[in-house]
Amino acid sequence: KLFENGLEISFLGGMTGTVFADHTERDSIANFKVGEKVKARVTAHDVSSKTTTLSLLSHIVNLQPKVLSELGTVFEKAKVQKLLYGGSYLVKIGNAVAFLHKSHLPSAV
């Protein structure tokens, strides 16, 4: 489906997810066609609300993830680089840039 602020994409034979307009490389959502095949990467999934967000940005789709640490590591002195659409952030941790999804933030932020 095409919406004013993004796309709804079906994948894996029945799952659906949202791609917000700022996660496309096209000038307008109107430049997409219903039924068009695209290459996307899941950027977040919220189990409680059963929502999935995806990106069509080539640098995210082609991202080769690096493990910065063991699960549960707390990072000190992470610096917010940019506020992203929907209340998520691009953060810098040392020399690495990371995505911080809003579902991983305390509700008071």
N, C-alpha and C. Protein backbone atom coordinates (compact mmCIF):
# COMPACT_ATOMS: atom_id res chain seq x y z
N LYS A 1 0.85 -1.18 0.00
CA LYS A 1 0.00 0.00 0.00
C LYS A 1 0.88 1.23 0.00
N LEU A 2 0.39 2.28 -0.61
CA LEU A 2 1.07 3.57 -0.62
C LEU A 2 0.32 4.53 0.30
N PHE A 3 1.05 5.21 1.15
CA PHE A 3 0.48 6.21 2.04
C PHE A 3 1.21 7.52 1.82
N GLU A 4 0.66 8.60 2.32
CA GLU A 4 1.27 9.92 2.17
C GLU A 4 2.68 9.96 2.77
N ASN A 5 2.87 9.28 3.91
CA ASN A 5 4.15 9.35 4.62
C ASN A 5 4.97 8.06 4.55
N GLY A 6 4.59 7.11 3.69
CA GLY A 6 5.36 5.88 3.60
C GLY A 6 4.67 4.77 2.83
N LEU A 7 5.20 3.57 3.00
CA LEU A 7 4.72 2.39 2.29
C LEU A 7 4.43 1.28 3.29
N GLU A 8 3.49 0.43 2.94
CA GLU A 8 3.31 -0.82 3.67
C GLU A 8 3.80 -1.92 2.73
N ILE A 9 4.71 -2.74 3.23
CA ILE A 9 5.32 -3.79 2.41
C ILE A 9 5.01 -5.15 3.01
N SER A 10 4.63 -6.10 2.16
CA SER A 10 4.47 -7.48 2.63
C SER A 10 5.73 -8.26 2.30
N PHE A 11 6.10 -9.15 3.20
CA PHE A 11 7.30 -9.95 3.01
C PHE A 11 7.17 -11.27 3.75
N LEU A 12 8.00 -12.22 3.39
CA LEU A 12 8.02 -13.56 4.00
C LEU A 12 6.64 -14.22 4.01
N GLY A 13 5.90 -14.04 2.94
CA GLY A 13 4.64 -14.74 2.77
C GLY A 13 3.55 -14.41 3.76
N GLY A 14 3.45 -13.17 4.20
CA GLY A 14 2.33 -12.80 5.06
C GLY A 14 2.63 -11.76 6.11
N MET A 15 3.90 -11.46 6.35
CA MET A 15 4.23 -10.40 7.29
C MET A 15 4.13 -9.06 6.57
N THR A 16 3.84 -8.01 7.31
CA THR A 16 3.83 -6.67 6.74
C THR A 16 4.64 -5.73 7.60
N GLY A 17 5.17 -4.70 6.98
CA GLY A 17 5.95 -3.71 7.69
C GLY A 17 5.80 -2.36 7.02
N THR A 18 6.23 -1.34 7.73
CA THR A 18 6.14 0.03 7.25
C THR A 18 7.51 0.57 6.90
N VAL A 19 7.59 1.25 5.76
CA VAL A 19 8.78 2.01 5.37
C VAL A 19 8.34 3.47 5.37
N PHE A 20 8.90 4.28 6.27
CA PHE A 20 8.56 5.69 6.30
C PHE A 20 9.28 6.41 5.16
N ALA A 21 8.71 7.51 4.71
CA ALA A 21 9.21 8.25 3.55
C ALA A 21 10.69 8.59 3.66
N ASP A 22 11.17 8.88 4.87
CA ASP A 22 12.58 9.24 5.02
C ASP A 22 13.51 8.03 4.92
N HIS A 23 12.96 6.84 4.72
CA HIS A 23 13.77 5.65 4.53
C HIS A 23 13.68 5.13 3.09
N THR A 24 13.39 6.05 2.17
CA THR A 24 13.42 5.73 0.74
C THR A 24 14.38 6.69 0.06
N GLU A 25 14.87 6.31 -1.09
CA GLU A 25 15.78 7.17 -1.83
C GLU A 25 15.09 7.84 -3.02
N ARG A 26 13.78 7.69 -3.09
CA ARG A 26 13.03 8.31 -4.18
C ARG A 26 12.47 9.66 -3.71
N ASP A 27 12.23 10.54 -4.66
CA ASP A 27 11.74 11.88 -4.34
C ASP A 27 10.36 11.89 -3.72
N SER A 28 9.55 10.89 -4.04
CA SER A 28 8.17 10.87 -3.58
C SER A 28 7.67 9.44 -3.46
N ILE A 29 6.78 9.23 -2.51
CA ILE A 29 6.13 7.93 -2.36
C ILE A 29 5.35 7.59 -3.63
N ALA A 30 4.87 8.62 -4.31
CA ALA A 30 4.11 8.41 -5.55
C ALA A 30 4.95 7.75 -6.65
N ASN A 31 6.27 7.74 -6.49
CA ASN A 31 7.15 7.10 -7.47
C ASN A 31 7.22 5.58 -7.30
N PHE A 32 6.53 5.03 -6.30
CA PHE A 32 6.43 3.59 -6.10
C PHE A 32 5.14 3.10 -6.71
N LYS A 33 5.10 1.83 -7.07
CA LYS A 33 3.89 1.22 -7.62
C LYS A 33 3.48 0.04 -6.74
N VAL A 34 2.19 -0.11 -6.52
CA VAL A 34 1.69 -1.26 -5.77
C VAL A 34 2.10 -2.52 -6.53
N GLY A 35 2.65 -3.49 -5.83
CA GLY A 35 3.10 -4.74 -6.44
C GLY A 35 4.56 -4.73 -6.85
N GLU A 36 5.19 -3.55 -6.81
CA GLU A 36 6.61 -3.45 -7.17
C GLU A 36 7.46 -4.20 -6.15
N LYS A 37 8.44 -4.93 -6.63
CA LYS A 37 9.37 -5.64 -5.74
C LYS A 37 10.51 -4.70 -5.37
N VAL A 38 10.83 -4.66 -4.09
CA VAL A 38 11.91 -3.81 -3.59
C VAL A 38 12.77 -4.63 -2.64
N LYS A 39 13.98 -4.19 -2.43
CA LYS A 39 14.89 -4.82 -1.46
C LYS A 39 14.91 -3.94 -0.22
N ALA A 40 14.56 -4.54 0.92
CA ALA A 40 14.46 -3.78 2.17
C ALA A 40 15.15 -4.54 3.30
N ARG A 41 15.41 -3.82 4.38
CA ARG A 41 15.97 -4.43 5.58
C ARG A 41 15.07 -4.06 6.76
N VAL A 42 14.78 -5.05 7.58
CA VAL A 42 14.02 -4.79 8.81
C VAL A 42 14.93 -3.99 9.74
N THR A 43 14.42 -2.86 10.23
CA THR A 43 15.21 -2.04 11.15
C THR A 43 14.72 -2.17 12.59
N ALA A 44 13.45 -2.56 12.76
CA ALA A 44 12.92 -2.72 14.11
C ALA A 44 11.65 -3.55 14.08
N HIS A 45 11.42 -4.24 15.17
CA HIS A 45 10.15 -4.97 15.35
C HIS A 45 9.74 -4.81 16.81
N ASP A 46 8.54 -4.35 17.02
CA ASP A 46 8.01 -4.18 18.37
C ASP A 46 7.04 -5.33 18.63
N VAL A 47 7.43 -6.23 19.50
CA VAL A 47 6.64 -7.43 19.77
C VAL A 47 5.29 -7.07 20.39
N SER A 48 5.26 -6.10 21.30
CA SER A 48 4.01 -5.78 21.98
C SER A 48 2.97 -5.19 21.04
N SER A 49 3.39 -4.33 20.12
CA SER A 49 2.41 -3.73 19.20
C SER A 49 2.35 -4.48 17.87
N LYS A 50 3.22 -5.49 17.71
CA LYS A 50 3.29 -6.30 16.50
C LYS A 50 3.51 -5.45 15.25
N THR A 51 4.41 -4.47 15.36
CA THR A 51 4.72 -3.61 14.22
C THR A 51 6.17 -3.82 13.80
N THR A 52 6.39 -3.75 12.50
CA THR A 52 7.72 -3.90 11.93
C THR A 52 8.01 -2.68 11.07
N THR A 53 9.21 -2.13 11.21
CA THR A 53 9.63 -1.04 10.34
C THR A 53 10.80 -1.53 9.50
N LEU A 54 10.84 -1.02 8.26
CA LEU A 54 11.86 -1.42 7.31
C LEU A 54 12.50 -0.18 6.70
N SER A 55 13.61 -0.38 6.02
CA SER A 55 14.28 0.69 5.30
C SER A 55 14.60 0.24 3.89
N LEU A 56 14.50 1.18 2.95
CA LEU A 56 14.92 0.95 1.57
C LEU A 56 16.21 1.69 1.25
N LEU A 57 16.76 2.40 2.23
CA LEU A 57 18.00 3.14 2.00
C LEU A 57 19.15 2.17 1.73
N SER A 58 19.87 2.39 0.63
CA SER A 58 20.88 1.42 0.21
C SER A 58 21.96 1.20 1.26
N HIS A 59 22.35 2.26 1.98
CA HIS A 59 23.40 2.07 2.99
C HIS A 59 22.92 1.24 4.18
N ILE A 60 21.61 1.18 4.39
CA ILE A 60 21.07 0.32 5.45
C ILE A 60 20.81 -1.08 4.91
N VAL A 61 20.24 -1.18 3.72
CA VAL A 61 19.98 -2.49 3.11
C VAL A 61 21.28 -3.27 2.95
N ASN A 62 22.36 -2.60 2.57
CA ASN A 62 23.65 -3.25 2.32
C ASN A 62 24.57 -3.26 3.53
N LEU A 63 24.05 -2.86 4.67
CA LEU A 63 24.84 -2.79 5.89
C LEU A 63 25.42 -4.14 6.28
N GLN A 64 26.67 -4.16 6.60
CA GLN A 64 27.31 -5.36 7.14
C GLN A 64 27.50 -5.12 8.64
N PRO A 65 26.60 -5.64 9.46
CA PRO A 65 26.63 -5.35 10.90
C PRO A 65 27.95 -5.75 11.55
N LYS A 66 28.35 -4.95 12.52
CA LYS A 66 29.53 -5.25 13.33
C LYS A 66 29.08 -5.41 14.77
N VAL A 67 29.62 -6.38 15.44
CA VAL A 67 29.29 -6.59 16.84
C VAL A 67 30.18 -5.66 17.66
N LEU A 68 29.53 -4.72 18.36
CA LEU A 68 30.28 -3.76 19.17
C LEU A 68 30.61 -4.32 20.54
N SER A 69 29.78 -5.25 21.01
CA SER A 69 29.97 -5.75 22.37
C SER A 69 29.11 -6.98 22.59
N GLU A 70 29.18 -7.48 23.79
CA GLU A 70 28.32 -8.59 24.20
C GLU A 70 26.94 -8.04 24.53
N LEU A 71 25.94 -8.88 24.41
CA LEU A 71 24.58 -8.51 24.75
C LEU A 71 24.51 -7.97 26.17
N GLY A 72 23.82 -6.86 26.36
CA GLY A 72 23.64 -6.29 27.69
C GLY A 72 24.69 -5.28 28.09
N THR A 73 25.67 -5.02 27.24
CA THR A 73 26.69 -4.03 27.57
C THR A 73 26.08 -2.64 27.62
N VAL A 74 26.44 -1.89 28.63
CA VAL A 74 25.99 -0.50 28.76
C VAL A 74 27.11 0.39 28.25
N PHE A 75 26.78 1.28 27.32
CA PHE A 75 27.77 2.18 26.75
C PHE A 75 27.74 3.52 27.46
N GLU A 76 28.88 4.00 27.86
CA GLU A 76 29.00 5.33 28.46
C GLU A 76 29.39 6.31 27.36
N LYS A 77 28.96 7.54 27.49
CA LYS A 77 29.35 8.63 26.59
C LYS A 77 28.93 8.42 25.14
N ALA A 78 27.77 7.78 24.92
CA ALA A 78 27.23 7.70 23.57
C ALA A 78 26.68 9.09 23.24
N LYS A 79 26.96 9.57 22.03
CA LYS A 79 26.56 10.92 21.65
C LYS A 79 25.49 10.85 20.55
N VAL A 80 24.37 11.54 20.78
CA VAL A 80 23.31 11.59 19.78
C VAL A 80 23.79 12.44 18.60
N GLN A 81 23.76 11.85 17.41
CA GLN A 81 24.18 12.55 16.20
C GLN A 81 23.01 13.21 15.49
N LYS A 82 21.84 12.52 15.54
CA LYS A 82 20.69 13.01 14.78
C LYS A 82 19.40 12.41 15.31
N LEU A 83 18.36 13.23 15.44
CA LEU A 83 17.03 12.74 15.75
C LEU A 83 16.43 12.24 14.45
N LEU A 84 15.94 10.99 14.45
CA LEU A 84 15.36 10.39 13.26
C LEU A 84 13.85 10.40 13.35
N TYR A 85 13.21 10.18 12.23
CA TYR A 85 11.75 10.17 12.15
C TYR A 85 11.18 9.16 13.14
N GLY A 86 10.15 9.57 13.85
CA GLY A 86 9.46 8.65 14.75
C GLY A 86 10.07 8.55 16.13
N GLY A 87 11.03 9.40 16.47
CA GLY A 87 11.58 9.40 17.82
C GLY A 87 12.75 8.47 18.07
N SER A 88 13.38 7.98 17.03
CA SER A 88 14.59 7.17 17.18
C SER A 88 15.80 8.06 16.93
N TYR A 89 17.00 7.54 17.17
CA TYR A 89 18.21 8.35 17.09
C TYR A 89 19.35 7.64 16.38
N LEU A 90 20.20 8.42 15.76
CA LEU A 90 21.49 7.97 15.27
C LEU A 90 22.48 8.38 16.33
N VAL A 91 23.24 7.44 16.89
CA VAL A 91 24.17 7.76 17.98
C VAL A 91 25.58 7.33 17.61
N LYS A 92 26.55 7.99 18.20
CA LYS A 92 27.95 7.63 17.98
C LYS A 92 28.49 7.06 19.29
N ILE A 93 29.10 5.88 19.17
CA ILE A 93 29.71 5.20 20.32
C ILE A 93 31.15 4.96 19.93
N GLY A 94 32.06 5.72 20.49
CA GLY A 94 33.46 5.63 20.07
C GLY A 94 33.56 6.04 18.62
N ASN A 95 34.10 5.17 17.76
CA ASN A 95 34.20 5.45 16.33
C ASN A 95 33.05 4.86 15.53
N ALA A 96 32.12 4.19 16.20
CA ALA A 96 31.01 3.53 15.50
C ALA A 96 29.75 4.39 15.55
N VAL A 97 28.95 4.32 14.50
CA VAL A 97 27.66 4.98 14.47
C VAL A 97 26.61 3.88 14.55
N ALA A 98 25.60 4.10 15.40
CA ALA A 98 24.58 3.07 15.64
C ALA A 98 23.19 3.68 15.59
N PHE A 99 22.20 2.82 15.44
CA PHE A 99 20.79 3.21 15.42
C PHE A 99 20.19 2.86 16.78
N LEU A 100 19.56 3.82 17.42
CA LEU A 100 18.90 3.59 18.71
C LEU A 100 17.40 3.73 18.50
N HIS A 101 16.69 2.62 18.56
CA HIS A 101 15.25 2.63 18.31
C HIS A 101 14.50 3.14 19.54
N LYS A 102 13.42 3.88 19.31
CA LYS A 102 12.66 4.47 20.39
C LYS A 102 12.12 3.44 21.38
N SER A 103 11.91 2.20 20.95
CA SER A 103 11.39 1.18 21.86
C SER A 103 12.44 0.74 22.88
N HIS A 104 13.70 1.16 22.69
CA HIS A 104 14.76 0.81 23.63
C HIS A 104 15.11 1.96 24.57
N LEU A 105 14.28 3.00 24.56
CA LEU A 105 14.50 4.15 25.43
C LEU A 105 13.52 4.12 26.60
N PRO A 106 13.95 4.64 27.74
CA PRO A 106 13.00 4.75 28.85
C PRO A 106 11.87 5.69 28.45
N SER A 107 10.67 5.46 28.94
CA SER A 107 9.52 6.27 28.53
C SER A 107 9.66 7.73 28.93
N ALA A 108 10.53 8.05 29.87
CA ALA A 108 10.71 9.44 30.34
C ALA A 108 11.52 10.28 29.36
N VAL A 109 12.18 9.65 28.36
CA VAL A 109 13.03 10.40 27.43
C VAL A 109 12.19 11.12 26.41
